Amino acid sequence: MSAAPDCGVVYVARGAGYLALAVASARSLRACSPALPIDLFTDGDPPPGLFDAVHPLPEGRVRDKIVCMAQGRFARTLFLDCDTWVLAPVDDLFALLDRFDLAVAHDVRRASRLVRTGTGLRLPYAFPQFNTGVLLYRQSDAMAAFFDAWGAAWKAQGGGRDQPAFRDLLWQCDLRYHVLPPEYNLRRVTVLDAAEPADLVPVIVHSHRLLQHLRVPGARRVKTLGDLLVLERAALSAEWARHGRTVPVPEGEDPAARFRDTDEGAG
């Protein structure tokens, strides 16, 4: 299924480091969904020809991504964080907006205290935070009001992570939303090590390790899925070791390539 003409993808990148990541992500998107328009909000100078439109970042004490999502020119928008790679076409995602106002995936660390908290509401464990780094939405008066409320709630909580405010607002509002399957916001590439051919088609990888070189002194930039896998598998082993467990970790093969070689598909 192809995306409608009013569909597009938006990135927000402040600073040269995040701009470089947005460029890499957009190139991966172009390779998979070449007809989709891509817009960028930035304070830098992106390479010519990659983005269909480049917009300035907002001024003042605001959460850039929230304001830019609200200002986007597309009727149907897929927002992607800069630390993403697109592995498969995303065009069919936009058909969800025939029925829903927005679509978003759960945060992967659902048992952590950080991800279980909101900005004031006591909500069930079964309603965790959502990861707002991949967000599909349809512009409307109701969606504009949600963005306004989200930005105000983010300011009221003192800035920081935007997901607690998003979670509480989504619980309280009347927007129709869909929870995306995790392969559209794949936070753990290591889950592919245990997946079977018909379980999923990996579509969007979203990993903070893609920006580790901006946060960790001396860390090298991750440029390939193989590099990312080495780091994620090591982190998986180390995380269980902190809890006194030893977990066997696969080596070598890129599991995403395995899924590309099957005859299973998303459509």
Protein backbone atom coordinates (compact mmCIF):
# COMPACT_ATOMS: atom_id res chain seq x y z
CA MET A 1 0.00 0.00 0.00
CA SER A 2 1.41 3.41 -0.96
CA ALA A 3 1.24 6.55 1.15
CA ALA A 4 -1.20 9.27 0.14
CA PRO A 5 0.15 12.54 -1.36
CA ASP A 6 -0.46 14.41 1.93
CA CYS A 7 1.86 12.08 3.88
CA GLY A 8 5.41 12.84 4.94
CA VAL A 9 8.18 12.27 7.48
CA VAL A 10 9.59 14.86 9.89
CA TYR A 11 12.95 15.02 11.68
CA VAL A 12 14.07 17.55 14.28
CA ALA A 13 17.82 18.11 14.74
CA ARG A 14 19.48 20.72 16.93
CA GLY A 15 23.26 20.85 16.66
CA ALA A 16 25.71 19.35 14.19
CA GLY A 17 25.83 15.94 15.88
CA TYR A 18 22.09 15.38 15.72
CA LEU A 19 21.95 16.76 12.19
CA ALA A 20 24.46 14.12 11.05
CA LEU A 21 22.28 11.42 12.63
CA ALA A 22 19.14 12.80 10.98
CA VAL A 23 20.92 12.72 7.60
CA ALA A 24 21.91 9.07 8.09
CA SER A 25 18.37 8.14 9.13
CA ALA A 26 16.81 10.03 6.23
CA ARG A 27 19.11 8.25 3.78
CA SER A 28 17.99 4.89 5.14
CA LEU A 29 14.39 6.04 4.75
CA ARG A 30 14.97 7.14 1.16
CA ALA A 31 16.37 3.72 0.31
CA CYS A 32 13.19 2.00 1.59
CA SER A 33 10.43 4.52 0.81
CA PRO A 34 11.84 6.75 -1.96
CA ALA A 35 8.56 8.52 -2.77
CA LEU A 36 7.88 9.83 0.74
CA PRO A 37 8.57 13.54 1.27
CA ILE A 38 10.96 14.25 4.15
CA ASP A 39 11.09 17.53 6.09
CA LEU A 40 13.73 18.65 8.55
CA PHE A 41 13.62 21.23 11.34
CA THR A 42 17.18 22.26 12.18
CA ASP A 43 19.61 25.03 13.08
CA GLY A 44 22.23 23.60 10.71
CA ASP A 45 22.90 23.19 7.00
CA PRO A 46 21.89 19.75 5.70
CA PRO A 47 23.27 18.35 2.44
CA PRO A 48 21.27 19.48 -0.61
CA GLY A 49 18.77 17.18 -2.24
CA LEU A 50 18.03 14.87 0.68
CA PHE A 51 15.21 16.79 2.38
CA ASP A 52 12.18 18.18 0.57
CA ALA A 53 11.90 21.16 2.92
CA VAL A 54 14.08 22.56 5.70
CA HIS A 55 12.54 24.67 8.47
CA PRO A 56 14.07 26.70 11.33
CA LEU A 57 13.84 25.44 14.89
CA PRO A 58 11.50 27.20 17.33
CA GLU A 59 12.80 29.79 19.76
CA GLY A 60 12.32 30.01 23.51
CA ARG A 61 12.07 27.38 26.24
CA VAL A 62 10.14 24.73 24.36
CA ARG A 63 10.48 21.07 23.58
CA ASP A 64 11.63 21.26 19.97
CA LYS A 65 10.03 18.04 18.79
CA ILE A 66 6.59 18.87 20.21
CA VAL A 67 6.47 22.32 18.61
CA CYS A 68 7.83 21.08 15.29
CA MET A 69 5.37 18.20 15.11
CA ALA A 70 2.54 20.68 15.61
CA GLN A 71 3.95 22.99 12.91
CA GLY A 72 4.55 20.28 10.32
CA ARG A 73 3.05 20.83 6.86
CA PHE A 74 1.79 17.30 6.24
CA ALA A 75 -1.78 16.20 6.92
CA ARG A 76 -0.38 12.80 7.96
CA THR A 77 3.04 12.73 9.54
CA LEU A 78 5.55 10.16 10.71
CA PHE A 79 7.93 11.79 13.19
CA LEU A 80 11.28 10.02 13.63
CA ASP A 81 13.97 10.72 16.20
CA CYS A 82 17.42 11.23 14.74
CA ASP A 83 18.76 8.01 16.31
CA THR A 84 16.75 5.78 14.00
CA TRP A 85 17.43 3.63 10.95
CA VAL A 86 14.72 2.49 8.54
CA LEU A 87 15.09 -1.11 7.40
CA ALA A 88 11.86 -1.62 5.42
CA PRO A 89 9.19 0.51 3.68
CA VAL A 90 6.97 2.58 5.99
CA ASP A 91 4.41 3.77 3.42
CA ASP A 92 1.61 1.53 4.65
CA LEU A 93 1.78 3.03 8.14
CA PHE A 94 -0.19 6.07 7.02
CA ALA A 95 -3.30 3.97 6.33
CA LEU A 96 -3.66 3.66 10.11
CA LEU A 97 -4.66 7.31 10.14
CA ASP A 98 -7.84 6.50 8.25
CA ARG A 99 -9.05 5.19 11.60
CA PHE A 100 -6.80 6.64 14.31
CA ASP A 101 -5.53 10.09 15.31
CA LEU A 102 -2.10 8.81 16.26
CA ALA A 103 -0.02 5.67 16.64
CA VAL A 104 2.92 5.06 18.96
CA ALA A 105 4.78 2.10 20.48
CA HIS A 106 5.28 1.26 24.15
CA ASP A 107 8.56 2.08 25.83
CA VAL A 108 10.66 -1.08 26.06
CA ARG A 109 11.81 -0.69 29.70
CA ARG A 110 8.31 -1.05 31.10
CA ALA A 111 9.36 -2.54 34.45
CA SER A 112 11.75 0.31 35.30
CA ARG A 113 10.69 3.00 37.75
CA LEU A 114 11.68 5.67 35.23
CA VAL A 115 9.23 4.40 32.63
CA ARG A 116 6.40 3.58 35.06
CA THR A 117 6.08 7.15 36.34
CA GLY A 118 3.87 9.90 34.99
CA THR A 119 3.54 13.56 35.93
CA GLY A 120 1.01 13.01 38.71
CA LEU A 121 -1.47 10.29 37.84
CA ARG A 122 -1.22 6.85 39.41
CA LEU A 123 -1.84 4.55 36.47
CA PRO A 124 -1.78 0.76 36.08
CA TYR A 125 1.45 -1.04 35.21
CA ALA A 126 -0.40 -2.23 32.10
CA PHE A 127 -0.49 1.38 30.85
CA PRO A 128 3.22 2.20 30.63
CA GLN A 129 4.91 5.17 29.01
CA PHE A 130 5.06 5.30 25.23
CA ASN A 131 8.26 5.93 23.31
CA THR A 132 7.73 9.20 21.48
CA GLY A 133 10.74 8.81 19.17
CA VAL A 134 8.51 7.22 16.53
CA LEU A 135 5.14 8.93 16.37
CA LEU A 136 2.52 8.75 13.61
CA TYR A 137 -0.27 11.33 13.70
CA ARG A 138 -2.97 13.09 11.72
CA GLN A 139 -3.23 16.87 11.91
CA SER A 140 -6.55 18.05 13.33
CA ASP A 141 -7.92 20.51 15.88
CA ALA A 142 -7.91 17.73 18.49
CA MET A 143 -4.31 16.82 17.71
CA ALA A 144 -3.27 20.48 17.86
CA ALA A 145 -4.86 20.77 21.28
CA PHE A 146 -3.00 17.65 22.39
CA PHE A 147 0.34 19.09 21.25
CA ASP A 148 -0.41 22.34 23.12
CA ALA A 149 -1.28 20.42 26.28
CA TRP A 150 1.79 18.20 25.94
CA GLY A 151 4.10 21.19 25.59
CA ALA A 152 2.52 22.92 28.58
CA ALA A 153 2.75 19.76 30.71
CA TRP A 154 6.41 19.32 29.74
CA LYS A 155 7.14 22.87 30.94
CA ALA A 156 5.13 22.33 34.11
CA GLN A 157 7.15 19.24 35.03
CA GLY A 158 10.36 21.27 34.66
CA GLY A 159 11.46 19.95 31.26
CA GLY A 160 13.39 16.71 30.92
CA ARG A 161 11.81 13.62 29.39
CA ASP A 162 8.58 14.25 27.49
CA GLN A 163 7.16 10.74 27.89
CA PRO A 164 5.67 11.06 31.41
CA ALA A 165 3.48 13.99 30.33
CA PHE A 166 2.56 12.19 27.09
CA ARG A 167 1.46 9.11 29.01
CA ASP A 168 -0.79 11.01 31.41
CA LEU A 169 -2.35 13.10 28.66
CA LEU A 170 -3.06 10.08 26.50
CA TRP A 171 -4.83 8.42 29.44
CA GLN A 172 -7.04 11.48 29.91
CA CYS A 173 -7.80 12.52 26.32
CA ASP A 174 -10.33 11.25 23.79
CA LEU A 175 -7.94 10.78 20.87
CA ARG A 176 -8.22 7.50 19.02
CA TYR A 177 -4.79 5.90 19.09
CA HIS A 178 -3.14 2.68 18.02
CA VAL A 179 -0.23 0.93 19.74
CA LEU A 180 2.34 0.10 17.08
CA PRO A 181 3.99 -3.34 17.04
CA PRO A 182 7.52 -3.13 18.48
CA GLU A 183 9.17 -3.71 15.09
CA TYR A 184 8.17 -0.14 14.15
CA ASN A 185 10.22 1.17 17.09
CA LEU A 186 12.80 -1.57 17.59
CA ARG A 187 14.67 -0.56 20.72
CA ARG A 188 16.38 -3.93 21.16
CA VAL A 189 17.84 -5.43 18.01
CA THR A 190 18.74 -8.46 20.16
CA VAL A 191 15.07 -9.52 20.20
CA LEU A 192 15.64 -10.65 16.61
CA ASP A 193 18.06 -13.31 17.85
CA ALA A 194 15.12 -15.21 19.36
CA ALA A 195 12.43 -14.35 16.81
CA GLU A 196 11.02 -16.83 14.30
CA PRO A 197 10.56 -15.99 10.58
CA ALA A 198 6.82 -15.30 10.85
CA ASP A 199 7.05 -13.26 14.07
CA LEU A 200 7.83 -9.87 12.56
CA VAL A 201 9.45 -7.80 9.84
CA PRO A 202 11.97 -5.34 11.35
CA VAL A 203 11.06 -1.88 10.07
CA ILE A 204 12.54 0.91 12.23
CA VAL A 205 15.55 0.54 14.52
CA HIS A 206 15.64 3.16 17.28
CA SER A 207 18.70 3.01 19.53
CA HIS A 208 20.37 5.53 21.84
CA ARG A 209 23.62 3.80 20.98
CA LEU A 210 23.46 5.54 17.62
CA LEU A 211 24.16 8.78 19.48
CA GLN A 212 26.54 7.43 22.13
CA HIS A 213 29.43 9.34 20.53
CA LEU A 214 27.60 12.56 21.43
CA ARG A 215 27.12 11.56 25.07
CA VAL A 216 30.05 9.37 26.08
CA PRO A 217 33.58 10.82 25.88
CA GLY A 218 35.73 8.70 23.59
CA ALA A 219 32.87 6.57 22.26
CA ARG A 220 32.98 5.90 18.54
CA ARG A 221 30.04 6.48 16.28
CA VAL A 222 27.95 3.44 15.39
CA LYS A 223 27.66 3.28 11.61
CA THR A 224 26.50 -0.26 10.83
CA LEU A 225 23.92 -2.68 12.16
CA GLY A 226 26.78 -5.05 12.93
CA ASP A 227 28.40 -2.45 15.21
CA LEU A 228 25.08 -1.88 16.93
CA LEU A 229 24.55 -5.60 17.47
CA VAL A 230 27.94 -6.00 19.15
CA LEU A 231 27.11 -3.22 21.60
CA GLU A 232 23.57 -4.42 22.29
CA ARG A 233 24.60 -8.01 22.86
CA ALA A 234 27.34 -6.89 25.26
CA ALA A 235 24.86 -4.64 27.08
CA LEU A 236 22.36 -7.50 27.36
CA SER A 237 24.96 -9.74 28.96
CA ALA A 238 26.13 -6.98 31.32
CA GLU A 239 22.59 -6.10 32.39
CA TRP A 240 21.81 -9.67 33.43
CA ALA A 241 25.21 -9.98 35.09
CA ARG A 242 24.27 -7.08 37.37
CA HIS A 243 21.37 -9.23 38.53
CA GLY A 244 23.58 -12.26 39.11
CA ARG A 245 22.58 -14.09 35.94
CA THR A 246 24.57 -15.38 33.00
CA VAL A 247 22.84 -15.23 29.64
CA PRO A 248 24.35 -16.78 26.50
CA VAL A 249 24.75 -14.13 23.83
CA PRO A 250 24.88 -14.99 20.10
CA GLU A 251 27.74 -13.72 18.00
CA GLY A 252 28.32 -13.00 14.35
CA GLU A 253 25.32 -12.98 12.04
CA ASP A 254 23.12 -9.93 11.62
CA PRO A 255 19.63 -11.27 12.48
CA ALA A 256 17.87 -8.52 10.52
CA ALA A 257 19.36 -9.96 7.32
CA ARG A 258 17.75 -13.29 8.19
CA PHE A 259 14.29 -11.72 8.05
CA ARG A 260 14.97 -10.07 4.70
CA ASP A 261 15.73 -13.51 3.29
CA THR A 262 12.33 -15.00 4.23
CA ASP A 263 9.14 -14.89 2.20
CA GLU A 264 7.17 -13.41 5.10
CA GLY A 265 6.03 -9.83 4.61
CA ALA A 266 4.20 -6.97 6.29
CA GLY A 267 1.47 -6.74 3.67
